[in-house]
Every structure is written in C-alpha cells, then in structure tokens.
Protein backbone atom coordinates (compact mmCIF):
# COMPACT_ATOMS: atom_id res chain seq x y z
CA PRO A 1 18.60 3.55 -3.28
CA HIS A 2 22.03 3.48 -4.82
CA GLY A 3 22.42 4.05 -8.56
CA LYS A 4 25.14 2.54 -10.68
CA VAL A 5 28.22 4.73 -10.80
CA GLU A 6 30.42 4.76 -13.87
CA PRO A 7 33.74 3.00 -13.09
CA PRO A 8 36.89 5.12 -12.87
CA SER A 9 39.32 5.29 -15.76
CA LYS A 10 41.70 2.94 -13.94
CA LYS A 11 39.08 0.28 -13.37
CA GLY A 12 41.16 -2.56 -14.77
CA ALA A 13 44.16 -1.93 -12.54
CA GLY A 14 41.98 -1.17 -9.54
CA ASN A 15 39.96 -4.35 -9.89
CA SER A 16 43.10 -6.44 -10.34
CA ARG A 17 44.65 -5.00 -7.19
CA LEU A 18 41.39 -5.41 -5.29
CA ASP A 19 41.28 -9.08 -6.33
CA GLU A 20 44.79 -9.53 -4.94
CA ILE A 21 43.73 -7.94 -1.65
CA VAL A 22 40.68 -10.19 -1.36
CA LEU A 23 42.77 -13.30 -2.07
CA LYS A 24 45.32 -12.29 0.55
CA ALA A 25 42.61 -11.51 3.12
CA THR A 26 40.93 -14.89 2.61
CA ALA A 27 44.00 -17.10 2.05
CA VAL A 28 43.80 -20.54 3.66
CA ASP A 29 47.47 -20.55 4.66
CA ARG A 30 47.94 -18.25 7.65
CA GLY A 31 51.35 -17.20 6.38
CA ASP A 32 49.80 -15.86 3.17
CA ARG A 33 47.14 -13.77 4.94
CA TYR A 34 47.28 -10.26 6.35
CA GLN A 35 48.75 -10.36 9.83
CA GLU A 36 47.14 -7.09 10.94
CA ILE A 37 43.83 -5.49 9.94
CA SER A 38 45.69 -2.19 9.66
CA GLU A 39 47.63 -3.67 6.71
CA LEU A 40 44.36 -4.55 4.96
CA VAL A 41 42.98 -1.05 5.57
CA ARG A 42 46.20 0.47 4.21
CA ASP A 43 46.00 -1.54 0.98
CA LEU A 44 42.31 -0.74 0.50
CA GLN A 45 43.03 2.95 0.96
CA GLN A 46 45.83 2.75 -1.59
CA VAL A 47 43.42 1.23 -4.12
CA ALA A 48 41.06 4.09 -3.37
CA VAL A 49 43.78 6.64 -4.12
CA GLU A 50 44.74 4.86 -7.34
CA SER A 51 41.09 4.86 -8.40
CA ASP A 52 40.90 8.64 -8.01
CA ILE A 53 38.59 8.49 -5.00
CA ALA A 54 38.84 11.76 -3.11
CA THR A 55 37.98 10.33 0.30
CA VAL A 56 37.43 6.84 1.63
CA VAL A 57 35.91 7.66 4.98
CA GLU A 58 33.18 10.27 4.89
CA ASN A 59 32.18 12.64 7.66
CA PRO A 60 29.47 11.37 10.02
CA GLY A 61 25.94 12.20 8.96
CA THR A 62 23.63 14.64 10.61
CA GLU A 63 22.49 13.52 14.04
CA LYS A 64 18.86 12.52 14.37
CA THR A 65 16.72 14.77 16.53
CA GLU A 66 14.44 13.29 19.15
CA PRO A 67 10.85 14.50 19.47
CA SER A 68 10.02 16.86 22.30
CA SER A 69 8.84 15.31 25.55
CA ASP A 70 5.29 16.66 25.19
CA SER A 71 4.74 15.39 21.65
CA TYR A 72 3.05 12.13 20.71
CA ILE A 73 4.20 10.08 17.75
CA PRO A 74 1.58 7.53 16.67
CA PRO A 75 2.77 4.08 15.56
CA PRO A 76 3.53 3.85 11.82
CA GLU A 77 0.79 2.50 9.57
CA GLU A 78 2.60 -0.81 9.04
CA VAL A 79 2.45 -1.47 12.77
CA GLN A 80 -1.29 -0.83 13.13
CA PRO A 81 -2.46 -4.40 12.28
CA TRP A 82 -0.36 -5.85 15.12
CA LEU A 83 -1.06 -3.40 17.95
CA ASN A 84 -3.62 -5.67 19.64
CA ASP A 85 -2.04 -9.00 18.69
CA PRO A 86 -0.41 -10.56 21.81
CA GLU A 87 1.67 -12.84 19.58
CA ARG A 88 3.37 -9.76 18.11
CA LYS A 89 4.18 -8.01 21.37
CA LEU A 90 7.29 -8.33 23.55
CA ASN A 91 7.06 -5.89 26.42
CA GLN A 92 6.89 -2.44 24.73
CA TYR A 93 7.97 -3.76 21.32
CA ILE A 94 5.52 -4.53 18.49
CA LEU A 95 6.95 -7.04 16.01
CA SER A 96 6.25 -5.75 12.53
CA ALA A 97 8.16 -7.97 10.10
CA ASN A 98 10.57 -10.90 10.21
CA ILE A 99 13.76 -9.66 8.53
CA GLY A 100 16.13 -12.57 9.12
CA SER A 101 16.83 -15.86 10.83
CA GLY A 102 19.82 -17.94 11.83
CA GLY A 103 21.03 -20.74 14.02
CA MET A 104 20.28 -18.94 17.28
CA GLY A 105 16.96 -17.36 16.39
CA SER A 106 15.09 -14.82 14.30
CA VAL A 107 15.39 -11.05 13.84
CA TRP A 108 12.38 -8.77 13.62
CA LYS A 109 11.82 -5.17 12.65
CA ALA A 110 9.89 -3.80 15.63
CA TRP A 111 8.34 -0.59 16.88
CA ASP A 112 9.33 0.67 20.32
CA THR A 113 6.06 2.08 21.71
CA LYS A 114 7.79 3.90 24.57
CA LEU A 115 10.46 5.75 22.60
CA ALA A 116 8.59 5.85 19.26
CA ARG A 117 11.40 4.43 17.14
CA TRP A 118 12.21 1.43 14.99
CA VAL A 119 14.48 -1.21 16.51
CA ALA A 120 15.65 -4.68 15.60
CA VAL A 121 14.64 -7.46 17.99
CA LYS A 122 16.57 -10.73 17.97
CA ILE A 123 14.54 -13.58 19.48
CA LEU A 124 16.37 -16.62 20.79
CA THR A 125 15.14 -20.00 19.57
CA PRO A 126 13.84 -21.93 22.61
CA GLY A 127 16.51 -24.21 24.04
CA ASP A 128 18.40 -25.15 27.16
CA ASP A 129 19.94 -22.92 29.81
CA THR A 130 23.35 -23.14 28.14
CA GLY A 131 21.96 -21.47 25.01
CA VAL A 132 20.33 -18.74 27.09
CA ARG A 133 23.55 -18.00 28.97
CA ARG A 134 25.51 -17.84 25.73
CA PHE A 135 22.89 -15.54 24.21
CA GLU A 136 23.02 -13.19 27.20
CA ARG A 137 26.82 -13.28 27.33
CA GLU A 138 27.14 -12.34 23.67
CA ALA A 139 24.68 -9.48 24.20
CA GLN A 140 26.72 -8.21 27.16
CA LEU A 141 29.93 -8.29 25.14
CA ALA A 142 28.36 -6.55 22.15
CA ALA A 143 26.90 -3.86 24.43
CA GLN A 144 30.45 -2.87 25.45
CA LEU A 145 31.27 -1.84 21.88
CA ARG A 146 30.43 1.75 21.03
CA HIS A 147 31.50 2.39 17.47
CA PRO A 148 29.77 4.25 14.61
CA ASN A 149 29.89 1.13 12.41
CA ILE A 150 28.73 -1.43 14.98
CA ALA A 151 25.00 -1.80 15.68
CA GLY A 152 24.30 -0.72 19.25
CA ILE A 153 22.61 -2.95 21.82
CA TYR A 154 19.75 -1.36 23.79
CA GLU A 155 18.77 -4.18 26.11
CA VAL A 156 18.58 -7.94 26.66
CA ASN A 157 15.37 -9.13 28.26
CA ARG A 158 12.62 -11.73 28.27
CA SER A 159 8.86 -11.82 28.03
CA ASN A 160 7.36 -14.91 29.62
CA GLU A 161 9.76 -17.59 28.37
CA ILE A 162 10.92 -15.72 25.27
CA HIS A 163 14.47 -14.37 25.50
CA PHE A 164 15.36 -11.46 23.21
CA LEU A 165 17.75 -8.57 22.69
CA VAL A 166 17.04 -5.18 21.19
CA MET A 167 19.47 -3.32 18.93
CA ASP A 168 19.75 -0.60 16.31
CA TYR A 169 17.55 -1.08 13.27
CA ILE A 170 19.53 -0.54 10.05
CA ASP A 171 17.05 0.48 7.35
CA GLY A 172 19.13 0.04 4.20
CA GLY A 173 19.58 -3.72 3.95
CA CYS A 174 22.48 -6.10 3.39
CA ILE A 175 25.48 -5.12 1.31
CA TYR A 176 24.70 -7.66 -1.43
CA GLU A 177 21.25 -6.16 -2.03
CA HIS A 178 22.68 -3.09 -3.77
CA PRO A 179 24.71 -2.68 -7.00
CA TYR A 180 27.60 -0.84 -5.36
CA SER A 181 30.46 0.52 -7.42
CA ILE A 182 34.08 -0.35 -6.66
CA GLN A 183 34.48 3.03 -4.96
CA ASP A 184 31.51 2.41 -2.68
CA LEU A 185 32.65 -1.12 -1.80
CA ILE A 186 36.11 0.10 -0.85
CA ARG A 187 34.60 2.81 1.35
CA ILE A 188 32.28 0.30 3.04
CA TYR A 189 34.93 -2.38 3.61
CA VAL A 190 37.38 0.10 5.13
CA LYS A 191 34.70 0.87 7.72
CA VAL A 192 34.01 -2.83 8.24
CA CYS A 193 37.72 -3.45 8.84
CA ARG A 194 37.91 -0.61 11.33
CA ALA A 195 34.86 -1.92 13.19
CA VAL A 196 36.37 -5.42 13.35
CA GLN A 197 39.69 -4.00 14.52
CA PHE A 198 37.86 -2.06 17.24
CA ALA A 199 36.14 -5.25 18.42
CA HIS A 200 39.43 -7.16 18.42
CA LYS A 201 41.05 -4.47 20.56
CA HIS A 202 38.30 -5.16 23.08
CA LYS A 203 39.02 -8.91 22.85
CA ILE A 204 35.77 -9.67 21.05
CA ILE A 205 35.60 -11.86 17.92
CA HIS A 206 32.51 -11.76 15.72
CA ARG A 207 32.89 -15.31 14.30
CA ASP A 208 30.27 -14.84 11.59
CA ILE A 209 31.32 -11.99 9.31
CA LYS A 210 29.62 -12.39 5.93
CA PRO A 211 27.73 -10.18 3.42
CA ALA A 212 24.38 -10.97 5.08
CA ASN A 213 25.72 -9.49 8.33
CA ILE A 214 27.09 -6.30 6.77
CA LEU A 215 24.24 -3.79 6.78
CA VAL A 216 24.27 -0.37 5.13
CA GLY A 217 21.75 2.25 6.18
CA SER A 218 19.70 4.34 3.78
CA ASP A 219 22.12 7.19 4.50
CA GLY A 220 25.01 5.11 3.15
CA GLU A 221 26.50 4.37 6.58
C-alpha cells in the first residue's frame, strides 16, 4: 500500500507545470502536441528536479528467486476451491479470480500449476477466425517486447475452443487505485513514456493506453 506523501514546498509551481505538460501531451491539434516522446520525458524530469525529487527512475528491485527443482510448492489457499473444477482450468492454469474485461475478452488471475506462480490469463471472447488471428498476432507482437515496464507474454494457446494468452501478473493494481503523490506520478509516467517509446521503436502501437491499463506492482514498479 502507498501512503499519502506530503507535497513538496514547490507544489504550486510543480502542479502548474505538470498541468501544462498534460495539456500539451493530449492536445487535439497535432501541431500543439509533443512531437517526440523524448521531449515529454525531458519535461517530466525537469518538473521532478524542480520539485526537489532526488531521482526519477529508481534502481531495479531485487530479482525473485525460483524454488529448487526438488521442492514442491502447494497451490495457494485461494486456488483450492477451483482445483477440481473443469470450468476453472485451462491446461495447467487454474483460474482464480476475474480481474478485468474488455472488448476482446476477460482477464483472470490464475495459478500456474507447473511452475508454481501467479500469472494473468487473457481469454478471448468467442468469435470468428478474424478475431482469433488478430488476437494471436497481437500476442506475437507483444512477445517481442522485452522491457522492465512492459508485461511479458509467456504463451498464446487454446484449450478446446477457448483461445487465451498468458502474461505477467502484476499484483499491485491500476494506477488510479492508489493515492499517489505528484512525485510518485512523475516517476511512474516517465517509465510509462519510456515503455511506449520502446514499443514505438519496434514499430508497435498500443492503441489503448489509459489509467486502467497502467499497472503498478506491490514493489512500486
């Protein structure tokens, strides 16, 4: 959980400048918008400096350690009710809780019984072959992106007639679910901009960037 942080002494000026940046980034007229993401990152970093923030981009967190090959990790308690429910099983994944839905399908928090880890499983809403091909194509493109601030894709598969993809599970929730301070928001959006810039360099456009799609882990990343 993130507690409220007292605003810096230059809050008024910082907020005003941040408002200007947001307006420029979302301007309707193309000529009034930022032409390069690097320009947006530069301005956000300048606001960070003016707000007395020591660093905008923090060092990567400690890497997670995998269990030894001879150890057994039992499924978490919240998965137990669904272990023998065929409606909650897709190959080795046990669907624990529905955590989102959209035009193309639903997203579930799921337990990977083979690798003993939480994952997110996106299930495609049943449709025609065109929708399936688009779903698989988008998964293939996303799988090419390896960046610390882009959720990784593990696999795209199907069980019977259900098409799904498996990706990183981000355990912290959406950005709008937390009362972030100005400092925290600047730090987060700089990382978002860098992730988007990385995708653009690989000729991939997200097309649906919004607060609900910006996830922050419990470790703040």
